[in-house]
C-alpha atoms as a PDB file:
ATOM      1  CA  MET A   1      20.575 219.477  82.950  1.00  0.00           C
ATOM      2  CA  MET A   2      22.728 216.462  83.872  1.00  0.00           C
ATOM      3  CA  ILE A   3      25.341 215.291  81.371  1.00  0.00           C
ATOM      4  CA  ASP A   4      26.492 211.675  81.582  1.00  0.00           C
ATOM      5  CA  THR A   5      30.203 211.262  81.749  1.00  0.00           C
ATOM      6  CA  PRO A   6      31.633 208.685  79.366  1.00  0.00           C
ATOM      7  CA  ARG A   7      31.936 205.129  80.669  1.00  0.00           C
ATOM      8  CA  LEU A   8      34.401 203.729  78.228  1.00  0.00           C
ATOM      9  CA  ARG A   9      35.053 200.024  77.971  1.00  0.00           C
ATOM     10  CA  PRO A  10      37.035 198.175  75.339  1.00  0.00           C
ATOM     11  CA  LEU A  11      35.415 196.057  72.681  1.00  0.00           C
ATOM     12  CA  ALA A  12      36.158 192.396  73.469  1.00  0.00           C
ATOM     13  CA  ASP A  13      38.473 191.695  70.549  1.00  0.00           C
ATOM     14  CA  THR A  14      40.407 194.950  70.417  1.00  0.00           C
ATOM     15  CA  HIS A  15      43.001 194.706  73.131  1.00  0.00           C
ATOM     16  CA  HIS A  16      45.452 192.100  71.821  1.00  0.00           C
ATOM     17  CA  ALA A  17      48.495 194.357  71.976  1.00  0.00           C
ATOM     18  CA  GLY A  18      47.802 195.864  75.413  1.00  0.00           C
ATOM     19  CA  ALA A  19      45.711 199.055  75.276  1.00  0.00           C
ATOM     20  CA  ALA A  20      42.327 198.813  73.547  1.00  0.00           C
ATOM     21  CA  ALA A  21      41.869 200.751  70.344  1.00  0.00           C
ATOM     22  CA  LEU A  22      38.116 200.717  70.082  1.00  0.00           C
ATOM     23  CA  LEU A  23      35.924 201.691  73.046  1.00  0.00           C
ATOM     24  CA  VAL A  24      32.207 201.731  73.685  1.00  0.00           C
ATOM     25  CA  ASP A  25      30.749 204.699  75.646  1.00  0.00           C
ATOM     26  CA  GLU A  26      28.294 202.997  78.009  1.00  0.00           C
ATOM     27  CA  ALA A  27      26.845 206.418  78.820  1.00  0.00           C
ATOM     28  CA  ALA A  28      25.669 206.786  75.190  1.00  0.00           C
ATOM     29  CA  GLY A  29      21.942 206.898  74.619  1.00  0.00           C
ATOM     30  CA  PRO A  30      20.112 203.676  73.899  1.00  0.00           C
ATOM     31  CA  GLU A  31      19.072 204.916  70.434  1.00  0.00           C
ATOM     32  CA  SER A  32      22.704 205.466  69.440  1.00  0.00           C
ATOM     33  CA  LEU A  33      23.867 202.090  70.760  1.00  0.00           C
ATOM     34  CA  HIS A  34      21.005 200.295  69.033  1.00  0.00           C
ATOM     35  CA  GLN A  35      21.642 202.104  65.749  1.00  0.00           C
ATOM     36  CA  GLU A  36      25.343 201.230  65.787  1.00  0.00           C
ATOM     37  CA  ALA A  37      24.604 197.524  66.616  1.00  0.00           C
ATOM     38  CA  GLU A  38      22.000 197.413  63.822  1.00  0.00           C
ATOM     39  CA  ARG A  39      24.429 198.913  61.264  1.00  0.00           C
ATOM     40  CA  ARG A  40      27.036 196.291  62.054  1.00  0.00           C
ATOM     41  CA  LEU A  41      24.572 193.408  61.853  1.00  0.00           C
ATOM     42  CA  ALA A  42      23.132 194.731  58.604  1.00  0.00           C
ATOM     43  CA  ALA A  43      26.642 194.931  57.090  1.00  0.00           C
ATOM     44  CA  ALA A  44      27.473 191.379  58.235  1.00  0.00           C
ATOM     45  CA  GLN A  45      24.145 190.079  56.879  1.00  0.00           C
ATOM     46  CA  ALA A  46      24.683 191.758  53.488  1.00  0.00           C
ATOM     47  CA  MET A  47      28.227 190.487  53.272  1.00  0.00           C
ATOM     48  CA  LEU A  48      27.176 186.937  54.093  1.00  0.00           C
ATOM     49  CA  PHE A  49      24.306 187.103  51.598  1.00  0.00           C
ATOM     50  CA  THR A  50      26.739 188.199  48.891  1.00  0.00           C
ATOM     51  CA  ALA A  51      29.117 185.400  49.823  1.00  0.00           C
ATOM     52  CA  ALA A  52      26.281 182.899  49.630  1.00  0.00           C
ATOM     53  CA  LEU A  53      25.356 184.079  46.118  1.00  0.00           C
ATOM     54  CA  ALA A  54      28.952 184.182  44.949  1.00  0.00           C
ATOM     55  CA  GLY A  55      29.597 180.743  46.486  1.00  0.00           C
ATOM     56  CA  GLU A  56      26.789 179.290  44.434  1.00  0.00           C
ATOM     57  CA  ALA A  57      28.403 180.660  41.318  1.00  0.00           C
ATOM     58  CA  ASP A  58      31.845 179.329  42.338  1.00  0.00           C
ATOM     59  CA  GLY A  59      33.101 182.890  42.425  1.00  0.00           C
ATOM     60  CA  LEU A  60      34.898 182.718  45.776  1.00  0.00           C
ATOM     61  CA  THR A  61      38.221 181.191  46.822  1.00  0.00           C
ATOM     62  CA  GLY A  62      39.038 179.786  50.241  1.00  0.00           C
ATOM     63  CA  ALA A  63      40.915 182.968  51.021  1.00  0.00           C
ATOM     64  CA  ASP A  64      37.846 185.051  50.066  1.00  0.00           C
ATOM     65  CA  LEU A  65      35.693 183.035  52.379  1.00  0.00           C
ATOM     66  CA  GLN A  66      38.216 183.295  55.202  1.00  0.00           C
ATOM     67  CA  GLY A  67      38.242 187.083  54.851  1.00  0.00           C
ATOM     68  CA  ILE A  68      34.464 187.294  54.753  1.00  0.00           C
ATOM     69  CA  ALA A  69      34.111 185.031  57.797  1.00  0.00           C
ATOM     70  CA  GLN A  70      36.640 187.102  59.739  1.00  0.00           C
ATOM     71  CA  ALA A  71      34.933 190.376  58.868  1.00  0.00           C
ATOM     72  CA  ALA A  72      31.513 188.903  59.789  1.00  0.00           C
ATOM     73  CA  GLN A  73      32.934 187.712  63.117  1.00  0.00           C
ATOM     74  CA  ILE A  74      34.353 191.166  63.904  1.00  0.00           C
ATOM     75  CA  LEU A  75      31.127 192.929  62.938  1.00  0.00           C
ATOM     76  CA  THR A  76      28.930 190.595  64.950  1.00  0.00           C
ATOM     77  CA  ALA A  77      31.242 190.744  67.982  1.00  0.00           C
ATOM     78  CA  ASP A  78      31.091 194.532  67.829  1.00  0.00           C
ATOM     79  CA  ALA A  79      27.295 194.431  67.606  1.00  0.00           C
ATOM     80  CA  LEU A  80      27.147 192.068  70.615  1.00  0.00           C
ATOM     81  CA  GLU A  81      29.221 194.486  72.635  1.00  0.00           C
ATOM     82  CA  LEU A  82      26.945 197.318  71.591  1.00  0.00           C
ATOM     83  CA  VAL A  83      23.832 195.298  72.600  1.00  0.00           C
ATOM     84  CA  ASN A  84      25.490 194.585  76.004  1.00  0.00           C
ATOM     85  CA  ALA A  85      26.136 198.353  76.410  1.00  0.00           C
ATOM     86  CA  LEU A  86      22.534 198.983  75.395  1.00  0.00           C
ATOM     87  CA  HIS A  87      21.332 196.624  78.134  1.00  0.00           C
ATOM     88  CA  LEU A  88      23.503 198.460  80.689  1.00  0.00           C
ATOM     89  CA  ALA A  89      22.059 201.807  79.436  1.00  0.00           C
ATOM     90  CA  HIS A  90      18.564 200.434  79.853  1.00  0.00           C
ATOM     91  CA  GLU A  91      19.327 199.250  83.407  1.00  0.00           C
ATOM     92  CA  ARG A  92      20.877 202.630  84.211  1.00  0.00           C
ATOM     93  CA  ASN A  93      17.870 204.533  82.845  1.00  0.00           C
ATOM     94  CA  SER A  94      15.490 202.260  84.768  1.00  0.00           C
ATOM     95  CA  ALA A  95      17.374 202.782  87.986  1.00  0.00           C
ATOM     96  CA  ARG A  96      17.436 206.511  87.410  1.00  0.00           C
ATOM     97  CA  ALA A  97      13.719 206.555  86.743  1.00  0.00           C
ATOM     98  CA  ALA A  98      13.024 204.538  89.913  1.00  0.00           C
ATOM     99  CA  ARG A  99      15.005 207.030  91.980  1.00  0.00           C
ATOM    100  CA  THR A 100      13.115 210.005  90.579  1.00  0.00           C
ATOM    101  CA  VAL A 101       9.580 208.640  91.010  1.00  0.00           C
ATOM    102  CA  HIS A 102       7.544 211.221  92.930  1.00  0.00           C
ATOM    103  CA  HIS A 103       4.847 210.077  95.274  1.00  0.00           C
ATOM    104  CA  PHE A 104       2.072 212.482  95.808  1.00  0.00           C
ATOM    105  CA  GLY A 105       0.186 211.894  99.036  1.00  0.00           C
ATOM    106  CA  HIS A 106      -3.020 213.248 100.367  1.00  0.00           C
ATOM    107  CA  SER A 107      -3.248 216.277 102.607  1.00  0.00           C
ATOM    108  CA  ARG A 108      -2.617 214.120 105.692  1.00  0.00           C
ATOM    109  CA  GLY A 109       1.003 213.683 104.608  1.00  0.00           C
ATOM    110  CA  GLU A 110       0.693 210.221 103.013  1.00  0.00           C
END
């Protein structure tokens, strides 16, 4: 059994003060990466939907909208990073599968 070693890379917006605080493990399975991206997009969608409803009722201030917009930007940026890592995981799995294809020839050694 082969265990993938972590391939950690920082999320794009998390290394303002030098060292990154949040990292994506590019060796994670595609299902995990997809699930985490989906969770962040769903949270951003729900938050923006709530803001739209509250905005129609004049229940939000400018500061509220600024906070919601910033949180949505962070969540969607994280989701994009996870989708990029998912793409890399797919390419890695495809390359691995291509290397392990077995060709069975006939008795003449084909």
